[in-house]
Amino acid sequence: MVIAIAGLTVGLLASTFTQVSNAELRTQSNKVASLMRQSFSYAVSHGKYVRLIIDMSAQTLSAEATADPVFLSKNKREAGDDPNALTEEQEERNERAKDEGRPLIKRASFGKEAALPELKLTKGVRVTGVFTPNQEDVFREGKAYVHFFPNGFAEPALVYVGNQPEGGGEGVTYSLALAPLTGKVTRTFGELEVDRYFGQPADEEEE
């Protein structure tokens, strides 16, 4: 009888822990979605280019802004690449421009904005992946970038937020999908697969 009671108590504690963990995951995913929406609104209202930096090593999200024009390369980039760095073609054009005395192509200079705070995810909640159209695959480590433009457009993006342990194991994942034309973020249970319809409106739970 004592053993049975002890087992029941442990089961109830484990169930309570899971519920608390999932509730915290939902809260943290709301904060991530809020920062994405805030970045979109800030870009439009202030006429600036904004990039959201998602650091999957530090588990932080921060936004920077610039008034300099930002043009994203159509070439697919690898994990860890800075999407705002000059391309090889642009570097070659600059070399020719130097010889001919023409203006150089400059890299956009981003800076912190007080109205765009940094978000540090709580222990046990992690961004487990990020995907945008100019990537070959979902980024699982390093830094990922999502860009917002002053004309009311954003990169379509999927951000996965979960409570899986770092070393693996079962957990819960939410997929946050950013709509490029409205800046709205929809949340669905589980990790959505990227397909040919990625970036198009879907009938999902809006946060």
N, C-alpha and C. Protein backbone atom coordinates (compact mmCIF):
# COMPACT_ATOMS: atom_id res chain seq x y z
N MET A 1 0.83 -1.21 0.00
CA MET A 1 0.00 0.00 0.00
C MET A 1 0.86 1.26 0.00
N VAL A 2 1.91 1.23 0.86
CA VAL A 2 2.81 2.39 0.93
C VAL A 2 3.50 2.63 -0.41
N ILE A 3 3.93 1.54 -1.04
CA ILE A 3 4.61 1.65 -2.34
C ILE A 3 3.66 2.21 -3.40
N ALA A 4 2.40 1.75 -3.36
CA ALA A 4 1.42 2.22 -4.33
C ALA A 4 1.16 3.70 -4.18
N ILE A 5 1.04 4.16 -2.93
CA ILE A 5 0.81 5.59 -2.67
C ILE A 5 1.99 6.42 -3.13
N ALA A 6 3.21 5.91 -2.83
CA ALA A 6 4.42 6.63 -3.24
C ALA A 6 4.49 6.75 -4.76
N GLY A 7 4.14 5.65 -5.45
CA GLY A 7 4.16 5.68 -6.91
C GLY A 7 3.15 6.66 -7.47
N LEU A 8 1.96 6.70 -6.86
CA LEU A 8 0.93 7.64 -7.29
C LEU A 8 1.36 9.07 -7.08
N THR A 9 2.04 9.35 -5.96
CA THR A 9 2.52 10.70 -5.65
C THR A 9 3.54 11.16 -6.67
N VAL A 10 4.48 10.26 -7.00
CA VAL A 10 5.51 10.58 -8.00
C VAL A 10 4.86 10.87 -9.34
N GLY A 11 3.85 10.07 -9.70
CA GLY A 11 3.16 10.28 -10.97
C GLY A 11 2.47 11.61 -11.03
N LEU A 12 1.82 12.00 -9.94
CA LEU A 12 1.14 13.29 -9.89
C LEU A 12 2.13 14.44 -9.99
N LEU A 13 3.27 14.31 -9.31
CA LEU A 13 4.30 15.36 -9.36
C LEU A 13 4.84 15.51 -10.78
N ALA A 14 5.07 14.36 -11.45
CA ALA A 14 5.59 14.41 -12.81
C ALA A 14 4.58 15.06 -13.74
N SER A 15 3.28 14.71 -13.54
CA SER A 15 2.24 15.31 -14.36
C SER A 15 2.15 16.81 -14.14
N THR A 16 2.26 17.25 -12.90
CA THR A 16 2.21 18.68 -12.58
C THR A 16 3.39 19.40 -13.20
N PHE A 17 4.58 18.79 -13.14
CA PHE A 17 5.77 19.40 -13.72
C PHE A 17 5.60 19.59 -15.21
N THR A 18 5.02 18.57 -15.90
CA THR A 18 4.83 18.66 -17.35
C THR A 18 3.87 19.79 -17.69
N GLN A 19 2.79 19.91 -16.90
CA GLN A 19 1.83 20.97 -17.15
C GLN A 19 2.46 22.34 -16.97
N VAL A 20 3.26 22.51 -15.91
CA VAL A 20 3.93 23.78 -15.69
C VAL A 20 4.91 24.06 -16.82
N SER A 21 5.67 23.05 -17.24
CA SER A 21 6.65 23.22 -18.30
C SER A 21 5.96 23.63 -19.60
N ASN A 22 4.85 22.99 -19.94
CA ASN A 22 4.14 23.32 -21.16
C ASN A 22 3.52 24.72 -21.09
N ALA A 23 3.05 25.09 -19.90
CA ALA A 23 2.51 26.44 -19.72
C ALA A 23 3.60 27.49 -19.93
N GLU A 24 4.79 27.21 -19.41
CA GLU A 24 5.91 28.14 -19.57
C GLU A 24 6.33 28.20 -21.04
N LEU A 25 6.30 27.06 -21.72
CA LEU A 25 6.62 27.02 -23.14
C LEU A 25 5.66 27.90 -23.93
N ARG A 26 4.38 27.83 -23.60
CA ARG A 26 3.38 28.65 -24.29
C ARG A 26 3.64 30.13 -24.02
N THR A 27 3.98 30.46 -22.77
CA THR A 27 4.28 31.85 -22.43
C THR A 27 5.49 32.37 -23.20
N GLN A 28 6.54 31.56 -23.25
CA GLN A 28 7.75 31.98 -23.94
C GLN A 28 7.53 32.09 -25.45
N SER A 29 6.75 31.17 -26.02
CA SER A 29 6.47 31.25 -27.46
C SER A 29 5.66 32.50 -27.77
N ASN A 30 4.79 32.91 -26.83
CA ASN A 30 4.04 34.17 -27.00
C ASN A 30 5.00 35.35 -27.05
N LYS A 31 6.04 35.32 -26.21
CA LYS A 31 7.00 36.42 -26.18
C LYS A 31 7.80 36.49 -27.47
N VAL A 32 8.15 35.32 -28.00
CA VAL A 32 8.87 35.29 -29.28
C VAL A 32 7.98 35.87 -30.39
N ALA A 33 6.72 35.43 -30.42
CA ALA A 33 5.78 35.94 -31.43
C ALA A 33 5.58 37.44 -31.29
N SER A 34 5.52 37.92 -30.05
CA SER A 34 5.33 39.35 -29.81
C SER A 34 6.51 40.16 -30.34
N LEU A 35 7.73 39.66 -30.14
CA LEU A 35 8.91 40.38 -30.62
C LEU A 35 8.93 40.40 -32.15
N MET A 36 8.48 39.34 -32.79
CA MET A 36 8.41 39.31 -34.24
C MET A 36 7.41 40.35 -34.76
N ARG A 37 6.25 40.40 -34.12
CA ARG A 37 5.24 41.39 -34.53
C ARG A 37 5.73 42.81 -34.27
N GLN A 38 6.40 42.99 -33.13
CA GLN A 38 6.91 44.31 -32.76
C GLN A 38 7.96 44.77 -33.77
N SER A 39 8.79 43.87 -34.23
CA SER A 39 9.82 44.21 -35.22
C SER A 39 9.19 44.65 -36.53
N PHE A 40 8.12 43.96 -36.93
CA PHE A 40 7.40 44.32 -38.16
C PHE A 40 6.80 45.72 -38.03
N SER A 41 6.12 45.97 -36.92
CA SER A 41 5.47 47.27 -36.72
C SER A 41 6.49 48.40 -36.64
N TYR A 42 7.62 48.14 -35.98
CA TYR A 42 8.65 49.16 -35.83
C TYR A 42 9.23 49.54 -37.19
N ALA A 43 9.47 48.56 -38.03
CA ALA A 43 10.04 48.83 -39.36
C ALA A 43 9.11 49.75 -40.16
N VAL A 44 7.82 49.48 -40.09
CA VAL A 44 6.86 50.28 -40.85
C VAL A 44 6.69 51.67 -40.25
N SER A 45 6.51 51.74 -38.93
CA SER A 45 6.21 53.03 -38.30
C SER A 45 7.41 53.98 -38.27
N HIS A 46 8.63 53.42 -38.27
CA HIS A 46 9.82 54.28 -38.21
C HIS A 46 10.55 54.35 -39.55
N GLY A 47 10.05 53.66 -40.55
CA GLY A 47 10.68 53.72 -41.87
C GLY A 47 12.08 53.16 -41.87
N LYS A 48 12.31 52.10 -41.10
CA LYS A 48 13.65 51.51 -41.01
C LYS A 48 13.64 50.03 -41.39
N TYR A 49 14.83 49.56 -41.67
CA TYR A 49 15.02 48.13 -41.92
C TYR A 49 15.40 47.48 -40.59
N VAL A 50 14.74 46.40 -40.26
CA VAL A 50 14.96 45.73 -38.97
C VAL A 50 15.36 44.28 -39.23
N ARG A 51 16.31 43.81 -38.45
CA ARG A 51 16.61 42.38 -38.51
C ARG A 51 16.53 41.80 -37.10
N LEU A 52 15.86 40.67 -37.01
CA LEU A 52 15.75 39.95 -35.75
C LEU A 52 16.83 38.88 -35.73
N ILE A 53 17.67 38.94 -34.71
CA ILE A 53 18.78 37.99 -34.59
C ILE A 53 18.38 36.92 -33.57
N ILE A 54 18.32 35.68 -34.02
CA ILE A 54 17.96 34.56 -33.15
C ILE A 54 19.21 33.74 -32.91
N ASP A 55 19.75 33.85 -31.70
CA ASP A 55 20.98 33.16 -31.33
C ASP A 55 20.61 31.86 -30.62
N MET A 56 20.78 30.75 -31.32
CA MET A 56 20.37 29.46 -30.76
C MET A 56 21.41 28.87 -29.82
N SER A 57 22.58 29.49 -29.73
CA SER A 57 23.57 29.07 -28.74
C SER A 57 23.29 29.74 -27.39
N ALA A 58 23.06 31.05 -27.43
CA ALA A 58 22.77 31.80 -26.20
C ALA A 58 21.28 31.77 -25.85
N GLN A 59 20.44 31.33 -26.80
CA GLN A 59 18.99 31.33 -26.63
C GLN A 59 18.47 32.74 -26.31
N THR A 60 18.90 33.68 -27.15
CA THR A 60 18.45 35.07 -27.05
C THR A 60 17.91 35.51 -28.39
N LEU A 61 17.00 36.48 -28.35
CA LEU A 61 16.48 37.11 -29.56
C LEU A 61 16.61 38.61 -29.37
N SER A 62 17.22 39.27 -30.34
CA SER A 62 17.40 40.71 -30.27
C SER A 62 17.16 41.31 -31.65
N ALA A 63 16.71 42.55 -31.67
CA ALA A 63 16.40 43.22 -32.94
C ALA A 63 17.27 44.45 -33.10
N GLU A 64 17.74 44.66 -34.32
CA GLU A 64 18.53 45.84 -34.66
C GLU A 64 17.88 46.53 -35.85
N ALA A 65 18.17 47.82 -36.00
CA ALA A 65 17.54 48.59 -37.08
C ALA A 65 18.58 49.46 -37.78
N THR A 66 18.25 49.84 -39.02
CA THR A 66 19.11 50.73 -39.79
C THR A 66 18.26 51.52 -40.78
N ALA A 67 18.74 52.70 -41.13
CA ALA A 67 18.09 53.48 -42.18
C ALA A 67 18.71 53.18 -43.54
N ASP A 68 19.82 52.44 -43.54
CA ASP A 68 20.49 52.08 -44.79
C ASP A 68 19.67 51.03 -45.54
N PRO A 69 19.59 51.15 -46.86
CA PRO A 69 18.86 50.14 -47.64
C PRO A 69 19.47 48.75 -47.45
N VAL A 70 18.63 47.76 -47.34
CA VAL A 70 19.07 46.37 -47.15
C VAL A 70 18.55 45.54 -48.31
N PHE A 71 19.46 44.86 -48.98
CA PHE A 71 19.10 43.98 -50.09
C PHE A 71 19.62 42.58 -49.77
N LEU A 72 18.71 41.63 -49.70
CA LEU A 72 19.10 40.27 -49.39
C LEU A 72 19.50 39.52 -50.65
N SER A 73 20.56 38.77 -50.56
CA SER A 73 21.01 37.98 -51.70
C SER A 73 20.02 36.87 -52.01
N LYS A 74 19.84 36.59 -53.29
CA LYS A 74 18.96 35.49 -53.69
C LYS A 74 19.63 34.14 -53.51
N ASN A 75 20.95 34.17 -53.33
CA ASN A 75 21.68 32.91 -53.15
C ASN A 75 21.36 32.30 -51.79
N LYS A 76 21.27 30.98 -51.75
CA LYS A 76 21.02 30.29 -50.50
C LYS A 76 22.23 30.45 -49.59
N ARG A 77 21.98 30.65 -48.29
CA ARG A 77 23.08 30.83 -47.36
C ARG A 77 23.16 29.66 -46.39
N GLU A 78 24.34 29.47 -45.85
CA GLU A 78 24.59 28.40 -44.90
C GLU A 78 24.42 28.94 -43.48
N ALA A 79 24.29 28.02 -42.55
CA ALA A 79 24.16 28.41 -41.14
C ALA A 79 25.38 29.21 -40.71
N GLY A 80 25.16 30.30 -40.02
CA GLY A 80 26.25 31.13 -39.53
C GLY A 80 26.64 32.26 -40.46
N ASP A 81 26.17 32.24 -41.70
CA ASP A 81 26.49 33.32 -42.64
C ASP A 81 25.73 34.58 -42.26
N ASP A 82 26.38 35.72 -42.41
CA ASP A 82 25.72 37.01 -42.20
C ASP A 82 25.03 37.40 -43.50
N PRO A 83 23.70 37.44 -43.52
CA PRO A 83 23.00 37.75 -44.77
C PRO A 83 23.20 39.17 -45.25
N ASN A 84 23.73 40.05 -44.40
CA ASN A 84 23.92 41.44 -44.78
C ASN A 84 25.35 41.74 -45.22
N ALA A 85 26.20 40.72 -45.25
CA ALA A 85 27.56 40.92 -45.74
C ALA A 85 27.52 41.09 -47.27
N LEU A 86 28.49 41.81 -47.80
CA LEU A 86 28.55 42.02 -49.24
C LEU A 86 28.83 40.69 -49.93
N THR A 87 28.18 40.47 -51.07
CA THR A 87 28.41 39.26 -51.83
C THR A 87 29.72 39.38 -52.61
N GLU A 88 30.19 38.26 -53.16
CA GLU A 88 31.42 38.28 -53.95
C GLU A 88 31.25 39.20 -55.16
N GLU A 89 30.07 39.18 -55.75
CA GLU A 89 29.80 40.05 -56.90
C GLU A 89 29.88 41.52 -56.50
N GLN A 90 29.33 41.85 -55.33
CA GLN A 90 29.37 43.24 -54.86
C GLN A 90 30.81 43.65 -54.53
N GLU A 91 31.59 42.73 -53.97
CA GLU A 91 32.99 43.03 -53.68
C GLU A 91 33.76 43.31 -54.97
N GLU A 92 33.47 42.54 -56.00
CA GLU A 92 34.14 42.75 -57.28
C GLU A 92 33.73 44.09 -57.90
N ARG A 93 32.45 44.44 -57.75
CA ARG A 93 31.97 45.73 -58.26
C ARG A 93 32.66 46.87 -57.52
N ASN A 94 32.88 46.71 -56.23
CA ASN A 94 33.57 47.74 -55.45
C ASN A 94 35.02 47.92 -55.91
N GLU A 95 35.66 46.81 -56.27
CA GLU A 95 37.05 46.89 -56.75
C GLU A 95 37.10 47.70 -58.04
N ARG A 96 36.14 47.44 -58.91
CA ARG A 96 36.11 48.20 -60.18
C ARG A 96 35.75 49.66 -59.91
N ALA A 97 34.83 49.88 -58.94
CA ALA A 97 34.42 51.25 -58.62
C ALA A 97 35.59 52.06 -58.07
N LYS A 98 36.46 51.42 -57.28
CA LYS A 98 37.63 52.12 -56.75
C LYS A 98 38.53 52.60 -57.88
N ASP A 99 38.76 51.71 -58.85
CA ASP A 99 39.63 52.06 -59.97
C ASP A 99 39.03 53.17 -60.83
N GLU A 100 37.69 53.20 -60.89
CA GLU A 100 37.01 54.17 -61.76
C GLU A 100 36.54 55.41 -61.01
N GLY A 101 36.78 55.44 -59.69
CA GLY A 101 36.40 56.61 -58.91
C GLY A 101 34.90 56.74 -58.69
N ARG A 102 34.17 55.63 -58.74
CA ARG A 102 32.71 55.66 -58.52
C ARG A 102 32.39 55.33 -57.07
N PRO A 103 31.19 55.69 -56.60
CA PRO A 103 30.80 55.38 -55.22
C PRO A 103 30.79 53.88 -54.97
N LEU A 104 31.15 53.51 -53.75
CA LEU A 104 31.21 52.09 -53.38
C LEU A 104 29.87 51.62 -52.80
N ILE A 105 29.61 50.35 -52.97
CA ILE A 105 28.46 49.73 -52.32
C ILE A 105 28.81 49.52 -50.86
N LYS A 106 27.98 50.03 -49.96
CA LYS A 106 28.28 49.92 -48.54
C LYS A 106 27.36 48.92 -47.87
N ARG A 107 27.90 48.24 -46.90
CA ARG A 107 27.12 47.31 -46.11
C ARG A 107 26.24 48.10 -45.14
N ALA A 108 25.00 47.66 -44.96
CA ALA A 108 24.09 48.34 -44.03
C ALA A 108 24.65 48.28 -42.61
N SER A 109 24.55 49.41 -41.91
CA SER A 109 25.06 49.50 -40.55
C SER A 109 23.89 49.43 -39.56
N PHE A 110 23.76 48.28 -38.88
CA PHE A 110 22.67 48.08 -37.92
C PHE A 110 23.08 48.53 -36.53
N GLY A 111 22.10 48.97 -35.75
CA GLY A 111 22.35 49.37 -34.38
C GLY A 111 21.17 49.01 -33.48
N LYS A 112 21.42 48.95 -32.19
CA LYS A 112 20.37 48.65 -31.23
C LYS A 112 19.36 49.78 -31.15
N GLU A 113 18.11 49.42 -30.91
CA GLU A 113 17.04 50.38 -30.72
C GLU A 113 16.39 50.10 -29.36
N ALA A 114 16.24 51.16 -28.55
CA ALA A 114 15.69 50.98 -27.20
C ALA A 114 14.29 50.39 -27.23
N ALA A 115 13.53 50.68 -28.27
CA ALA A 115 12.15 50.18 -28.35
C ALA A 115 12.07 48.72 -28.75
N LEU A 116 13.20 48.13 -29.11
CA LEU A 116 13.24 46.72 -29.51
C LEU A 116 14.09 45.95 -28.51
N PRO A 117 13.47 45.43 -27.45
CA PRO A 117 14.22 44.81 -26.37
C PRO A 117 14.78 43.44 -26.73
N GLU A 118 15.72 42.98 -25.95
CA GLU A 118 16.27 41.64 -26.11
C GLU A 118 15.47 40.66 -25.27
N LEU A 119 15.25 39.47 -25.82
CA LEU A 119 14.51 38.43 -25.12
C LEU A 119 15.45 37.27 -24.82
N LYS A 120 15.51 36.88 -23.56
CA LYS A 120 16.28 35.72 -23.13
C LYS A 120 15.30 34.65 -22.70
N LEU A 121 15.32 33.51 -23.38
CA LEU A 121 14.38 32.45 -23.05
C LEU A 121 14.72 31.81 -21.70
N THR A 122 13.69 31.42 -20.99
CA THR A 122 13.90 30.82 -19.67
C THR A 122 14.49 29.42 -19.84
N LYS A 123 15.12 28.94 -18.77
CA LYS A 123 15.75 27.64 -18.80
C LYS A 123 14.72 26.55 -19.10
N GLY A 124 15.07 25.66 -20.00
CA GLY A 124 14.17 24.58 -20.36
C GLY A 124 13.36 24.85 -21.61
N VAL A 125 13.34 26.11 -22.07
CA VAL A 125 12.65 26.48 -23.31
C VAL A 125 13.70 26.93 -24.31
N ARG A 126 13.61 26.41 -25.54
CA ARG A 126 14.64 26.70 -26.52
C ARG A 126 14.04 26.96 -27.90
N VAL A 127 14.70 27.84 -28.67
CA VAL A 127 14.43 27.90 -30.10
C VAL A 127 15.20 26.75 -30.71
N THR A 128 14.49 25.79 -31.28
CA THR A 128 15.12 24.58 -31.78
C THR A 128 15.39 24.61 -33.28
N GLY A 129 14.87 25.64 -33.97
CA GLY A 129 15.13 25.74 -35.39
C GLY A 129 14.52 27.00 -35.98
N VAL A 130 15.11 27.47 -37.09
CA VAL A 130 14.62 28.66 -37.80
C VAL A 130 14.76 28.40 -39.29
N PHE A 131 13.73 28.78 -40.05
CA PHE A 131 13.81 28.64 -41.51
C PHE A 131 13.27 29.90 -42.18
N THR A 132 13.99 30.37 -43.19
CA THR A 132 13.55 31.44 -44.08
C THR A 132 13.81 30.97 -45.51
N PRO A 133 13.17 31.60 -46.50
CA PRO A 133 13.29 31.11 -47.88
C PRO A 133 14.70 31.10 -48.46
N ASN A 134 15.60 31.95 -47.95
CA ASN A 134 16.95 31.96 -48.52
C ASN A 134 17.91 31.02 -47.79
N GLN A 135 17.36 29.96 -47.23
CA GLN A 135 18.16 28.91 -46.61
C GLN A 135 17.89 27.59 -47.33
N GLU A 136 18.90 26.72 -47.34
CA GLU A 136 18.71 25.39 -47.90
C GLU A 136 17.93 24.51 -46.92
N ASP A 137 18.30 24.62 -45.64
CA ASP A 137 17.70 23.77 -44.62
C ASP A 137 17.36 24.60 -43.39
N VAL A 138 16.66 23.97 -42.46
CA VAL A 138 16.36 24.61 -41.18
C VAL A 138 17.66 24.76 -40.41
N PHE A 139 17.91 25.98 -39.89
CA PHE A 139 19.10 26.19 -39.05
C PHE A 139 18.81 25.65 -37.66
N ARG A 140 19.71 24.86 -37.13
CA ARG A 140 19.55 24.27 -35.81
C ARG A 140 20.56 24.79 -34.80
N GLU A 141 21.50 25.57 -35.23
CA GLU A 141 22.53 26.09 -34.34
C GLU A 141 23.03 27.42 -34.87
N GLY A 142 23.81 28.11 -34.04
CA GLY A 142 24.36 29.39 -34.46
C GLY A 142 23.29 30.48 -34.47
N LYS A 143 23.49 31.46 -35.36
CA LYS A 143 22.58 32.60 -35.45
C LYS A 143 21.75 32.53 -36.72
N ALA A 144 20.49 32.87 -36.58
CA ALA A 144 19.59 32.99 -37.73
C ALA A 144 19.03 34.41 -37.75
N TYR A 145 18.66 34.88 -38.94
CA TYR A 145 18.20 36.25 -39.10
C TYR A 145 16.86 36.28 -39.83
N VAL A 146 15.97 37.15 -39.35
CA VAL A 146 14.70 37.39 -40.02
C VAL A 146 14.61 38.90 -40.26
N HIS A 147 14.32 39.31 -41.50
CA HIS A 147 14.35 40.72 -41.86
C HIS A 147 12.95 41.30 -42.06
N PHE A 148 12.83 42.57 -41.67
CA PHE A 148 11.58 43.31 -41.79
C PHE A 148 11.88 44.62 -42.53
N PHE A 149 10.99 44.99 -43.45
CA PHE A 149 11.26 46.13 -44.32
C PHE A 149 10.24 47.25 -44.10
N PRO A 150 10.66 48.50 -44.34
CA PRO A 150 9.77 49.64 -44.06
C PRO A 150 8.55 49.73 -44.97
N ASN A 151 8.55 48.98 -46.07
CA ASN A 151 7.39 49.00 -46.97
C ASN A 151 6.30 48.04 -46.53
N GLY A 152 6.43 47.47 -45.33
CA GLY A 152 5.40 46.57 -44.83
C GLY A 152 5.55 45.15 -45.31
N PHE A 153 6.79 44.70 -45.44
CA PHE A 153 7.05 43.33 -45.88
C PHE A 153 8.08 42.70 -44.94
N ALA A 154 7.95 41.40 -44.72
CA ALA A 154 8.90 40.67 -43.90
C ALA A 154 9.26 39.37 -44.60
N GLU A 155 10.43 38.85 -44.27
CA GLU A 155 10.76 37.52 -44.76
C GLU A 155 9.78 36.50 -44.18
N PRO A 156 9.20 35.64 -44.99
CA PRO A 156 8.44 34.55 -44.40
C PRO A 156 9.39 33.73 -43.53
N ALA A 157 8.94 33.33 -42.37
CA ALA A 157 9.83 32.61 -41.46
C ALA A 157 9.05 31.61 -40.62
N LEU A 158 9.72 30.53 -40.30
CA LEU A 158 9.23 29.55 -39.33
C LEU A 158 10.22 29.50 -38.18
N VAL A 159 9.72 29.67 -36.98
CA VAL A 159 10.57 29.59 -35.78
C VAL A 159 9.99 28.50 -34.90
N TYR A 160 10.81 27.51 -34.58
CA TYR A 160 10.38 26.41 -33.73
C TYR A 160 10.82 26.66 -32.29
N VAL A 161 9.87 26.62 -31.38
CA VAL A 161 10.15 26.82 -29.96
C VAL A 161 9.70 25.58 -29.20
N GLY A 162 10.60 24.97 -28.44
CA GLY A 162 10.26 23.73 -27.75
C GLY A 162 10.85 23.64 -26.37
N ASN A 163 10.44 22.61 -25.63
CA ASN A 163 10.99 22.37 -24.30
C ASN A 163 11.73 21.05 -24.23
N GLN A 164 12.28 20.63 -25.38
CA GLN A 164 13.07 19.42 -25.40
C GLN A 164 14.39 19.63 -24.69
N PRO A 165 14.88 18.63 -23.95
CA PRO A 165 16.20 18.74 -23.33
C PRO A 165 17.27 18.88 -24.40
N GLU A 166 18.37 19.55 -24.06
CA GLU A 166 19.45 19.76 -25.03
C GLU A 166 19.99 18.44 -25.54
N GLY A 167 20.06 17.43 -24.67
CA GLY A 167 20.62 16.15 -25.07
C GLY A 167 19.64 15.25 -25.77
N GLY A 168 18.44 15.72 -26.07
CA GLY A 168 17.42 14.92 -26.73
C GLY A 168 16.34 14.49 -25.77
N GLY A 169 15.42 13.70 -26.25
CA GLY A 169 14.31 13.26 -25.41
C GLY A 169 13.00 13.88 -25.87
N GLU A 170 11.93 13.41 -25.28
CA GLU A 170 10.62 13.89 -25.68
C GLU A 170 10.34 15.28 -25.13
N GLY A 171 9.54 16.01 -25.85
CA GLY A 171 9.16 17.34 -25.43
C GLY A 171 8.05 17.86 -26.33
N VAL A 172 7.68 19.11 -26.13
CA VAL A 172 6.63 19.74 -26.92
C VAL A 172 7.25 20.85 -27.77
N THR A 173 6.78 20.98 -28.99
CA THR A 173 7.26 22.02 -29.89
C THR A 173 6.09 22.80 -30.47
N TYR A 174 6.26 24.12 -30.56
CA TYR A 174 5.32 24.98 -31.26
C TYR A 174 6.03 25.56 -32.48
N SER A 175 5.30 25.69 -33.58
CA SER A 175 5.82 26.35 -34.77
C SER A 175 5.20 27.73 -34.89
N LEU A 176 6.05 28.75 -34.99
CA LEU A 176 5.60 30.12 -35.16
C LEU A 176 5.85 30.52 -36.61
N ALA A 177 4.78 30.81 -37.34
CA ALA A 177 4.89 31.18 -38.76
C ALA A 177 4.62 32.67 -38.93
N LEU A 178 5.57 33.37 -39.53
CA LEU A 178 5.46 34.81 -39.76
C LEU A 178 4.90 35.07 -41.15
N ALA A 179 3.78 35.80 -41.21
CA ALA A 179 3.17 36.16 -42.50
C ALA A 179 3.91 37.37 -43.07
N PRO A 180 4.39 37.30 -44.31
CA PRO A 180 5.24 38.37 -44.86
C PRO A 180 4.53 39.68 -45.14
N LEU A 181 3.23 39.67 -45.40
CA LEU A 181 2.53 40.89 -45.79
C LEU A 181 1.83 41.59 -44.63
N THR A 182 1.62 40.90 -43.54
CA THR A 182 0.89 41.48 -42.41
C THR A 182 1.69 41.51 -41.13
N GLY A 183 2.74 40.71 -41.03
CA GLY A 183 3.51 40.63 -39.80
C GLY A 183 2.84 39.81 -38.72
N LYS A 184 1.71 39.18 -39.04
CA LYS A 184 1.03 38.35 -38.05
C LYS A 184 1.78 37.04 -37.85
N VAL A 185 1.69 36.52 -36.64
CA VAL A 185 2.35 35.27 -36.31
C VAL A 185 1.30 34.25 -35.90
N THR A 186 1.32 33.09 -36.53
CA THR A 186 0.41 32.02 -36.17
C THR A 186 1.19 30.89 -35.51
N ARG A 187 0.55 30.28 -34.54
CA ARG A 187 1.21 29.20 -33.79
C ARG A 187 0.46 27.90 -34.00
N THR A 188 1.20 26.85 -34.30
CA THR A 188 0.61 25.52 -34.42
C THR A 188 1.40 24.55 -33.55
N PHE A 189 0.71 23.51 -33.13
CA PHE A 189 1.35 22.48 -32.30
C PHE A 189 2.21 21.59 -33.18
N GLY A 190 3.40 21.29 -32.71
CA GLY A 190 4.30 20.44 -33.46
C GLY A 190 5.23 21.24 -34.36
N GLU A 191 6.13 20.55 -35.01
CA GLU A 191 7.10 21.19 -35.91
C GLU A 191 6.62 21.05 -37.34
N LEU A 192 6.18 22.17 -37.92
CA LEU A 192 5.69 22.15 -39.29
C LEU A 192 6.83 21.86 -40.26
N GLU A 193 6.54 21.07 -41.26
CA GLU A 193 7.51 20.80 -42.31
C GLU A 193 7.45 21.92 -43.35
N VAL A 194 8.60 22.26 -43.89
CA VAL A 194 8.67 23.29 -44.92
C VAL A 194 8.32 22.65 -46.26
N ASP A 195 7.33 23.20 -46.95
CA ASP A 195 6.95 22.67 -48.25
C ASP A 195 6.77 23.81 -49.25
N ARG A 196 6.24 23.49 -50.42
CA ARG A 196 6.11 24.51 -51.48
C ARG A 196 5.10 25.58 -51.14
N TYR A 197 4.26 25.34 -50.15
CA TYR A 197 3.27 26.33 -49.74
C TYR A 197 3.79 27.24 -48.62
N PHE A 198 5.05 27.06 -48.27
CA PHE A 198 5.59 27.85 -47.16
C PHE A 198 5.48 29.34 -47.45
N GLY A 199 4.99 30.09 -46.44
CA GLY A 199 4.86 31.53 -46.57
C GLY A 199 3.48 31.97 -47.00
N GLN A 200 2.62 31.02 -47.38
CA GLN A 200 1.26 31.37 -47.77
C GLN A 200 0.35 31.32 -46.55
N PRO A 201 -0.76 32.09 -46.54
CA PRO A 201 -1.66 32.10 -45.39
C PRO A 201 -2.21 30.71 -45.09
N ALA A 202 -2.37 30.43 -43.80
CA ALA A 202 -2.90 29.13 -43.40
C ALA A 202 -3.91 29.33 -42.28
N ASP A 203 -4.83 28.40 -42.14
CA ASP A 203 -5.87 28.48 -41.11
C ASP A 203 -5.34 27.85 -39.84
N GLU A 204 -4.62 28.68 -39.06
CA GLU A 204 -3.98 28.18 -37.84
C GLU A 204 -4.31 29.11 -36.69
N GLU A 205 -3.92 28.72 -35.50
CA GLU A 205 -4.18 29.52 -34.30
C GLU A 205 -3.34 30.77 -34.31
N GLU A 206 -3.96 31.91 -34.22
CA GLU A 206 -3.23 33.18 -34.21
C GLU A 206 -2.93 33.60 -32.81
N GLU A 207 -1.68 34.10 -32.59
CA GLU A 207 -1.27 34.55 -31.25
C GLU A 207 -1.02 36.05 -31.32
